[in-house]
């Protein structure tokens, strides 16, 4: 079977390797089957080009802000600003106006949507009361900058979820089609190697097999339902022992 961990982008690597190795290792070994080998190589090339076209159509991700770094920066600003307000002589403005009655340390741990709204609220309140707070301009600049970064991160996360929903099915369908050809070619090559008496050459042609045997419980036998797999046997369900006549 194909390595179950082959992701869509790895198909480029495995497909190209298989084509090159089928040609280099097998051409002329069984001359009567060279036409079959050419057929397999061409089918693999077409499958590689098809999934390559799908991958090339996917939007290239724009440079993104580091979400974790932005969240930590926002939390740090909230806690520091709260401490600064507490340090002001006479408490010229009630801190509850900025934090809506929540403890700053708790507010700072809120999820991205609420955190973004909270920082925006702090910036708005600071603008209203800037005349009463020494150093308000410095704090306003820092808080506004953090709020803009949070808004970008929030948009990034929404866009990422939409992309997974919109682009996933097309890529998944292309990968399944590619696996159908790749697995079918394994069956053809396995037959050719059987004629040679050299089945051990399979991992030299299909590079995923060189890796897949390192995973426990994985074999080259195609499971029922996979493209190119034999039909599931009738009778005893898979994975259940047969009962003896005395059972």
C-alpha atoms as a PDB file:
ATOM      1  CA  UNK A   1       0.000   0.000   0.000  1.00  0.00           C
ATOM      2  CA  UNK A   2       1.043   3.617  -0.314  1.00  0.00           C
ATOM      3  CA  UNK A   3       2.420   5.287   2.764  1.00  0.00           C
ATOM      4  CA  UNK A   4      -0.744   6.643   4.467  1.00  0.00           C
ATOM      5  CA  UNK A   5       1.197   9.737   5.483  1.00  0.00           C
ATOM      6  CA  UNK A   6       1.882  10.947   1.929  1.00  0.00           C
ATOM      7  CA  UNK A   7       0.496  14.460   1.924  1.00  0.00           C
ATOM      8  CA  UNK A   8      -0.508  16.253  -1.297  1.00  0.00           C
ATOM      9  CA  UNK A   9       2.810  18.073  -1.626  1.00  0.00           C
ATOM     10  CA  UNK A  10       4.809  14.884  -1.140  1.00  0.00           C
ATOM     11  CA  UNK A  11       3.089  13.360  -4.164  1.00  0.00           C
ATOM     12  CA  UNK A  12       5.428  15.467  -6.309  1.00  0.00           C
ATOM     13  CA  UNK A  13       8.426  13.753  -4.736  1.00  0.00           C
ATOM     14  CA  UNK A  14       7.153  10.178  -4.745  1.00  0.00           C
ATOM     15  CA  UNK A  15       5.639  10.335  -8.226  1.00  0.00           C
ATOM     16  CA  UNK A  16       8.781  11.728  -9.848  1.00  0.00           C
ATOM     17  CA  UNK A  17      10.965   9.196  -8.025  1.00  0.00           C
ATOM     18  CA  UNK A  18       8.752   6.287  -9.135  1.00  0.00           C
ATOM     19  CA  UNK A  19       8.830   7.400 -12.764  1.00  0.00           C
ATOM     20  CA  UNK A  20      12.590   7.786 -12.806  1.00  0.00           C
ATOM     21  CA  UNK A  21      13.185   4.469 -11.033  1.00  0.00           C
ATOM     22  CA  UNK A  22      10.728   2.498 -13.167  1.00  0.00           C
ATOM     23  CA  UNK A  23      12.673   3.665 -16.203  1.00  0.00           C
ATOM     24  CA  UNK A  24      16.159   3.224 -14.747  1.00  0.00           C
ATOM     25  CA  UNK A  25      15.680  -0.043 -12.855  1.00  0.00           C
ATOM     26  CA  UNK A  26      13.144  -1.962 -14.918  1.00  0.00           C
ATOM     27  CA  UNK A  27      13.471  -0.996 -18.580  1.00  0.00           C
ATOM     28  CA  UNK A  28      14.736  -3.995 -20.550  1.00  0.00           C
ATOM     29  CA  UNK A  29      14.583  -6.390 -17.618  1.00  0.00           C
ATOM     30  CA  UNK A  30      11.553  -8.145 -19.149  1.00  0.00           C
ATOM     31  CA  UNK A  31      11.530  -6.830 -22.734  1.00  0.00           C
ATOM     32  CA  UNK A  32       8.046  -8.163 -23.442  1.00  0.00           C
ATOM     33  CA  UNK A  33       6.722  -5.915 -20.626  1.00  0.00           C
ATOM     34  CA  UNK A  34       8.484  -2.701 -21.657  1.00  0.00           C
ATOM     35  CA  UNK A  35       5.305  -1.394 -23.297  1.00  0.00           C
ATOM     36  CA  UNK A  36       3.456  -1.976 -20.012  1.00  0.00           C
ATOM     37  CA  UNK A  37       6.250  -0.143 -18.205  1.00  0.00           C
ATOM     38  CA  UNK A  38       5.969   2.820 -20.600  1.00  0.00           C
ATOM     39  CA  UNK A  39       2.225   2.860 -19.974  1.00  0.00           C
ATOM     40  CA  UNK A  40       2.778   2.942 -16.183  1.00  0.00           C
ATOM     41  CA  UNK A  41       5.348   5.724 -16.445  1.00  0.00           C
ATOM     42  CA  UNK A  42       3.080   7.837 -18.642  1.00  0.00           C
ATOM     43  CA  UNK A  43       0.080   7.293 -16.368  1.00  0.00           C
ATOM     44  CA  UNK A  44       2.201   8.366 -13.399  1.00  0.00           C
ATOM     45  CA  UNK A  45       3.372  11.453 -15.269  1.00  0.00           C
ATOM     46  CA  UNK A  46      -0.220  12.443 -16.045  1.00  0.00           C
ATOM     47  CA  UNK A  47      -1.235  11.876 -12.410  1.00  0.00           C
ATOM     48  CA  UNK A  48       1.727  13.926 -11.184  1.00  0.00           C
ATOM     49  CA  UNK A  49       0.840  16.775 -13.547  1.00  0.00           C
ATOM     50  CA  UNK A  50      -2.838  16.679 -12.547  1.00  0.00           C
ATOM     51  CA  UNK A  51      -2.223  17.023  -8.818  1.00  0.00           C
ATOM     52  CA  UNK A  52       0.553  19.525  -9.537  1.00  0.00           C
ATOM     53  CA  UNK A  53      -1.944  21.721 -11.382  1.00  0.00           C
ATOM     54  CA  UNK A  54      -4.320  21.596  -8.407  1.00  0.00           C
ATOM     55  CA  UNK A  55      -1.556  22.484  -5.963  1.00  0.00           C
ATOM     56  CA  UNK A  56      -0.337  25.320  -8.184  1.00  0.00           C
ATOM     57  CA  UNK A  57      -3.831  26.823  -8.176  1.00  0.00           C
ATOM     58  CA  UNK A  58      -3.909  27.064  -4.404  1.00  0.00           C
ATOM     59  CA  UNK A  59      -3.367  30.615  -3.143  1.00  0.00           C
ATOM     60  CA  UNK A  60       0.077  31.289  -1.824  1.00  0.00           C
ATOM     61  CA  UNK A  61      -0.127  32.218   1.857  1.00  0.00           C
ATOM     62  CA  UNK A  62       0.713  35.837   2.562  1.00  0.00           C
ATOM     63  CA  UNK A  63       3.337  36.594   5.182  1.00  0.00           C
ATOM     64  CA  UNK A  64       1.637  36.242   8.526  1.00  0.00           C
ATOM     65  CA  UNK A  65       2.180  37.658  11.963  1.00  0.00           C
ATOM     66  CA  UNK A  66       3.275  35.249  14.661  1.00  0.00           C
ATOM     67  CA  UNK A  67      -0.014  34.650  16.510  1.00  0.00           C
ATOM     68  CA  UNK A  68       1.592  33.550  19.762  1.00  0.00           C
ATOM     69  CA  UNK A  69       3.952  36.513  19.829  1.00  0.00           C
ATOM     70  CA  UNK A  70       1.099  38.974  19.221  1.00  0.00           C
ATOM     71  CA  UNK A  71      -1.050  37.389  21.946  1.00  0.00           C
ATOM     72  CA  UNK A  72       1.806  37.558  24.433  1.00  0.00           C
ATOM     73  CA  UNK A  73       2.444  41.185  23.506  1.00  0.00           C
ATOM     74  CA  UNK A  74      -1.232  42.057  24.017  1.00  0.00           C
ATOM     75  CA  UNK A  75      -1.377  40.318  27.388  1.00  0.00           C
ATOM     76  CA  UNK A  76       1.778  42.070  28.503  1.00  0.00           C
ATOM     77  CA  UNK A  77       0.392  45.479  27.506  1.00  0.00           C
ATOM     78  CA  UNK A  78      -2.870  44.899  29.394  1.00  0.00           C
ATOM     79  CA  UNK A  79      -1.116  43.865  32.609  1.00  0.00           C
ATOM     80  CA  UNK A  80       1.466  46.663  32.426  1.00  0.00           C
ATOM     81  CA  UNK A  81      -1.167  49.298  31.697  1.00  0.00           C
ATOM     82  CA  UNK A  82      -3.248  48.102  34.639  1.00  0.00           C
ATOM     83  CA  UNK A  83      -0.212  48.338  36.913  1.00  0.00           C
ATOM     84  CA  UNK A  84       0.502  51.823  35.613  1.00  0.00           C
ATOM     85  CA  UNK A  85      -3.040  52.964  36.358  1.00  0.00           C
ATOM     86  CA  UNK A  86      -2.713  51.620  39.890  1.00  0.00           C
ATOM     87  CA  UNK A  87       0.493  53.597  40.331  1.00  0.00           C
ATOM     88  CA  UNK A  88      -1.076  56.949  39.459  1.00  0.00           C
ATOM     89  CA  UNK A  89      -1.565  59.177  42.450  1.00  0.00           C
ATOM     90  CA  UNK A  90      -5.195  59.614  43.438  1.00  0.00           C
ATOM     91  CA  UNK A  91      -6.504  57.155  40.812  1.00  0.00           C
ATOM     92  CA  UNK A  92      -7.645  59.903  38.375  1.00  0.00           C
ATOM     93  CA  UNK A  93      -9.669  57.341  36.359  1.00  0.00           C
ATOM     94  CA  UNK A  94     -11.372  54.211  37.692  1.00  0.00           C
ATOM     95  CA  UNK A  95      -9.556  51.179  36.135  1.00  0.00           C
ATOM     96  CA  UNK A  96     -12.909  49.386  35.839  1.00  0.00           C
ATOM     97  CA  UNK A  97     -13.717  51.711  32.942  1.00  0.00           C
ATOM     98  CA  UNK A  98     -10.877  50.140  30.943  1.00  0.00           C
ATOM     99  CA  UNK A  99     -11.303  46.496  31.933  1.00  0.00           C
ATOM    100  CA  UNK A 100     -15.088  46.347  32.260  1.00  0.00           C
ATOM    101  CA  UNK A 101     -14.899  45.030  35.799  1.00  0.00           C
ATOM    102  CA  UNK A 102     -12.649  42.069  34.955  1.00  0.00           C
ATOM    103  CA  UNK A 103      -9.268  41.507  36.538  1.00  0.00           C
ATOM    104  CA  UNK A 104      -6.634  42.534  33.950  1.00  0.00           C
ATOM    105  CA  UNK A 105      -4.769  39.236  34.410  1.00  0.00           C
ATOM    106  CA  UNK A 106      -7.980  37.312  33.608  1.00  0.00           C
ATOM    107  CA  UNK A 107      -8.910  39.520  30.670  1.00  0.00           C
ATOM    108  CA  UNK A 108      -5.426  39.047  29.247  1.00  0.00           C
ATOM    109  CA  UNK A 109      -6.009  35.282  28.971  1.00  0.00           C
ATOM    110  CA  UNK A 110      -9.216  35.551  26.937  1.00  0.00           C
ATOM    111  CA  UNK A 111      -9.461  34.036  23.462  1.00  0.00           C
ATOM    112  CA  UNK A 112      -8.441  36.136  20.476  1.00  0.00           C
ATOM    113  CA  UNK A 113     -11.881  37.585  19.656  1.00  0.00           C
ATOM    114  CA  UNK A 114     -12.582  38.878  23.153  1.00  0.00           C
ATOM    115  CA  UNK A 115      -8.984  39.971  23.640  1.00  0.00           C
ATOM    116  CA  UNK A 116      -9.094  42.048  20.454  1.00  0.00           C
ATOM    117  CA  UNK A 117     -12.333  43.710  21.531  1.00  0.00           C
ATOM    118  CA  UNK A 118     -10.944  44.341  25.023  1.00  0.00           C
ATOM    119  CA  UNK A 119      -7.802  46.037  23.747  1.00  0.00           C
ATOM    120  CA  UNK A 120      -9.887  48.135  21.367  1.00  0.00           C
ATOM    121  CA  UNK A 121     -12.097  49.185  24.294  1.00  0.00           C
ATOM    122  CA  UNK A 122      -9.053  50.135  26.371  1.00  0.00           C
ATOM    123  CA  UNK A 123      -7.766  52.297  23.515  1.00  0.00           C
ATOM    124  CA  UNK A 124     -11.145  54.025  23.155  1.00  0.00           C
ATOM    125  CA  UNK A 125     -11.431  54.738  26.903  1.00  0.00           C
ATOM    126  CA  UNK A 126      -7.867  56.001  27.015  1.00  0.00           C
ATOM    127  CA  UNK A 127      -8.718  58.462  24.246  1.00  0.00           C
ATOM    128  CA  UNK A 128     -11.684  59.747  26.288  1.00  0.00           C
ATOM    129  CA  UNK A 129      -9.656  60.235  29.465  1.00  0.00           C
ATOM    130  CA  UNK A 130      -6.232  61.064  28.076  1.00  0.00           C
ATOM    131  CA  UNK A 131      -6.234  64.504  29.682  1.00  0.00           C
ATOM    132  CA  UNK A 132      -6.397  62.907  33.144  1.00  0.00           C
ATOM    133  CA  UNK A 133      -3.622  60.331  32.603  1.00  0.00           C
ATOM    134  CA  UNK A 134       0.031  61.324  32.505  1.00  0.00           C
ATOM    135  CA  UNK A 135       1.843  59.634  29.592  1.00  0.00           C
ATOM    136  CA  UNK A 136      -1.425  58.823  27.826  1.00  0.00           C
ATOM    137  CA  UNK A 137       0.065  59.505  24.377  1.00  0.00           C
ATOM    138  CA  UNK A 138       2.770  56.856  24.820  1.00  0.00           C
ATOM    139  CA  UNK A 139       0.271  54.282  26.072  1.00  0.00           C
ATOM    140  CA  UNK A 140      -2.219  55.151  23.351  1.00  0.00           C
ATOM    141  CA  UNK A 141       0.359  54.503  20.615  1.00  0.00           C
ATOM    142  CA  UNK A 142       1.408  51.167  22.093  1.00  0.00           C
ATOM    143  CA  UNK A 143      -2.138  49.953  22.711  1.00  0.00           C
ATOM    144  CA  UNK A 144      -3.358  50.983  19.249  1.00  0.00           C
ATOM    145  CA  UNK A 145      -0.433  49.168  17.641  1.00  0.00           C
ATOM    146  CA  UNK A 146      -1.197  45.988  19.580  1.00  0.00           C
ATOM    147  CA  UNK A 147      -4.882  46.264  18.697  1.00  0.00           C
ATOM    148  CA  UNK A 148      -4.037  46.440  14.988  1.00  0.00           C
ATOM    149  CA  UNK A 149      -1.856  43.352  15.270  1.00  0.00           C
ATOM    150  CA  UNK A 150      -4.593  41.453  17.102  1.00  0.00           C
ATOM    151  CA  UNK A 151      -7.085  42.359  14.374  1.00  0.00           C
ATOM    152  CA  UNK A 152      -4.682  41.009  11.742  1.00  0.00           C
ATOM    153  CA  UNK A 153      -4.172  37.763  13.666  1.00  0.00           C
ATOM    154  CA  UNK A 154      -7.937  37.368  14.055  1.00  0.00           C
ATOM    155  CA  UNK A 155      -8.398  37.793  10.284  1.00  0.00           C
ATOM    156  CA  UNK A 156      -5.587  35.327   9.636  1.00  0.00           C
ATOM    157  CA  UNK A 157      -7.261  32.704  11.782  1.00  0.00           C
ATOM    158  CA  UNK A 158     -10.637  33.201  10.096  1.00  0.00           C
ATOM    159  CA  UNK A 159      -9.036  33.042   6.638  1.00  0.00           C
ATOM    160  CA  UNK A 160      -7.183  29.871   7.561  1.00  0.00           C
ATOM    161  CA  UNK A 161     -10.418  28.172   8.605  1.00  0.00           C
ATOM    162  CA  UNK A 162     -12.136  29.242   5.392  1.00  0.00           C
ATOM    163  CA  UNK A 163      -9.220  28.013   3.267  1.00  0.00           C
ATOM    164  CA  UNK A 164      -9.303  24.601   4.921  1.00  0.00           C
ATOM    165  CA  UNK A 165     -13.016  24.335   4.163  1.00  0.00           C
ATOM    166  CA  UNK A 166     -12.859  25.669   0.604  1.00  0.00           C
ATOM    167  CA  UNK A 167      -9.607  24.193  -0.650  1.00  0.00           C
ATOM    168  CA  UNK A 168      -9.578  20.912   1.222  1.00  0.00           C
ATOM    169  CA  UNK A 169     -12.035  18.947  -0.960  1.00  0.00           C
ATOM    170  CA  UNK A 170     -10.300  19.792  -4.263  1.00  0.00           C
ATOM    171  CA  UNK A 171      -6.881  18.844  -2.945  1.00  0.00           C
ATOM    172  CA  UNK A 172      -8.227  15.729  -1.239  1.00  0.00           C
ATOM    173  CA  UNK A 173      -9.937  14.577  -4.447  1.00  0.00           C
ATOM    174  CA  UNK A 174      -6.752  15.150  -6.442  1.00  0.00           C
ATOM    175  CA  UNK A 175      -4.716  13.204  -3.894  1.00  0.00           C
ATOM    176  CA  UNK A 176      -7.122  10.248  -4.031  1.00  0.00           C
ATOM    177  CA  UNK A 177      -6.892  10.191  -7.838  1.00  0.00           C
ATOM    178  CA  UNK A 178      -3.100  10.318  -7.628  1.00  0.00           C
ATOM    179  CA  UNK A 179      -3.055   7.457  -5.109  1.00  0.00           C
ATOM    180  CA  UNK A 180      -5.246   5.403  -7.462  1.00  0.00           C
ATOM    181  CA  UNK A 181      -2.603   5.616 -10.204  1.00  0.00           C
ATOM    182  CA  UNK A 182       0.322   5.189  -7.805  1.00  0.00           C
ATOM    183  CA  UNK A 183      -1.193   2.052  -6.255  1.00  0.00           C
ATOM    184  CA  UNK A 184      -2.142   0.628  -9.661  1.00  0.00           C
ATOM    185  CA  UNK A 185       1.437   1.083 -10.820  1.00  0.00           C
ATOM    186  CA  UNK A 186       2.626  -0.775  -7.737  1.00  0.00           C
ATOM    187  CA  UNK A 187       0.523  -3.747  -8.771  1.00  0.00           C
ATOM    188  CA  UNK A 188       1.990  -3.695 -12.291  1.00  0.00           C
ATOM    189  CA  UNK A 189       5.545  -3.364 -11.034  1.00  0.00           C
ATOM    190  CA  UNK A 190       5.019  -6.055  -8.407  1.00  0.00           C
ATOM    191  CA  UNK A 191       3.936  -8.410 -11.198  1.00  0.00           C
ATOM    192  CA  UNK A 192       6.966  -7.518 -13.302  1.00  0.00           C
ATOM    193  CA  UNK A 193       9.283  -8.100 -10.352  1.00  0.00           C
ATOM    194  CA  UNK A 194       7.572 -11.430  -9.699  1.00  0.00           C
ATOM    195  CA  UNK A 195       8.594 -12.500 -13.207  1.00  0.00           C
ATOM    196  CA  UNK A 196      12.155 -11.460 -12.338  1.00  0.00           C
ATOM    197  CA  UNK A 197      12.028 -13.143  -8.948  1.00  0.00           C
ATOM    198  CA  UNK A 198      13.136  -9.877  -7.315  1.00  0.00           C
ATOM    199  CA  UNK A 199      10.227  -8.517  -5.236  1.00  0.00           C
ATOM    200  CA  UNK A 200      12.759  -6.906  -2.884  1.00  0.00           C
ATOM    201  CA  UNK A 201      13.308  -4.176  -5.494  1.00  0.00           C
ATOM    202  CA  UNK A 202       9.905  -2.596  -4.759  1.00  0.00           C
ATOM    203  CA  UNK A 203      11.267  -0.061  -2.193  1.00  0.00           C
ATOM    204  CA  UNK A 204      13.905   1.009  -4.731  1.00  0.00           C
ATOM    205  CA  UNK A 205      11.139   2.112  -7.087  1.00  0.00           C
ATOM    206  CA  UNK A 206       8.418   3.316  -4.700  1.00  0.00           C
ATOM    207  CA  UNK A 207      10.267   5.317  -2.106  1.00  0.00           C
ATOM    208  CA  UNK A 208       7.392   5.444   0.377  1.00  0.00           C
ATOM    209  CA  UNK A 209       7.861   1.699   0.922  1.00  0.00           C
ATOM    210  CA  UNK A 210      11.359   2.337   2.224  1.00  0.00           C
ATOM    211  CA  UNK A 211       9.759   4.416   4.984  1.00  0.00           C
ATOM    212  CA  UNK A 212       6.434   2.716   5.547  1.00  0.00           C
ATOM    213  CA  UNK A 213       7.927  -0.488   6.928  1.00  0.00           C
ATOM    214  CA  UNK A 214       9.267   1.502   9.863  1.00  0.00           C
ATOM    215  CA  UNK A 215       5.701   2.061  11.036  1.00  0.00           C
ATOM    216  CA  UNK A 216       4.167  -0.705  13.108  1.00  0.00           C
ATOM    217  CA  UNK A 217       1.304  -2.589  11.514  1.00  0.00           C
ATOM    218  CA  UNK A 218       1.798  -1.264   7.970  1.00  0.00           C
ATOM    219  CA  UNK A 219       2.257  -3.597   5.017  1.00  0.00           C
ATOM    220  CA  UNK A 220       2.253  -3.399   1.223  1.00  0.00           C
ATOM    221  CA  UNK A 221      -1.075  -5.216   0.992  1.00  0.00           C
ATOM    222  CA  UNK A 222      -3.753  -2.865  -0.300  1.00  0.00           C
ATOM    223  CA  UNK A 223      -6.685  -2.669   2.123  1.00  0.00           C
ATOM    224  CA  UNK A 224     -10.209  -3.203   0.763  1.00  0.00           C
ATOM    225  CA  UNK A 225     -11.645   0.040  -0.608  1.00  0.00           C
ATOM    226  CA  UNK A 226      -8.281   1.486  -1.706  1.00  0.00           C
ATOM    227  CA  UNK A 227      -7.815   2.089  -5.458  1.00  0.00           C
ATOM    228  CA  UNK A 228      -6.378  -1.077  -6.990  1.00  0.00           C
ATOM    229  CA  UNK A 229      -7.151  -3.217  -3.947  1.00  0.00           C
ATOM    230  CA  UNK A 230      -8.651  -6.709  -4.272  1.00  0.00           C
ATOM    231  CA  UNK A 231     -12.257  -7.113  -3.105  1.00  0.00           C
ATOM    232  CA  UNK A 232     -12.792  -7.852   0.576  1.00  0.00           C
ATOM    233  CA  UNK A 233     -13.237 -11.586   1.224  1.00  0.00           C
ATOM    234  CA  UNK A 234     -16.728 -12.754   2.029  1.00  0.00           C
ATOM    235  CA  UNK A 235     -17.507 -14.814   5.109  1.00  0.00           C
ATOM    236  CA  UNK A 236     -15.733 -14.082   8.360  1.00  0.00           C
ATOM    237  CA  UNK A 237     -15.482 -10.296   8.965  1.00  0.00           C
ATOM    238  CA  UNK A 238     -11.943  -8.896   8.774  1.00  0.00           C
ATOM    239  CA  UNK A 239     -10.150  -8.960  12.101  1.00  0.00           C
ATOM    240  CA  UNK A 240     -12.427 -11.687  13.588  1.00  0.00           C
ATOM    241  CA  UNK A 241     -11.078 -15.235  14.133  1.00  0.00           C
ATOM    242  CA  UNK A 242     -12.815 -18.114  12.465  1.00  0.00           C
ATOM    243  CA  UNK A 243     -14.693 -20.373  14.855  1.00  0.00           C
ATOM    244  CA  UNK A 244     -13.727 -24.028  14.982  1.00  0.00           C
ATOM    245  CA  UNK A 245     -16.478 -26.617  14.482  1.00  0.00           C
ATOM    246  CA  UNK A 246     -16.340 -27.358  18.220  1.00  0.00           C
ATOM    247  CA  UNK A 247     -16.916 -23.745  19.245  1.00  0.00           C
END
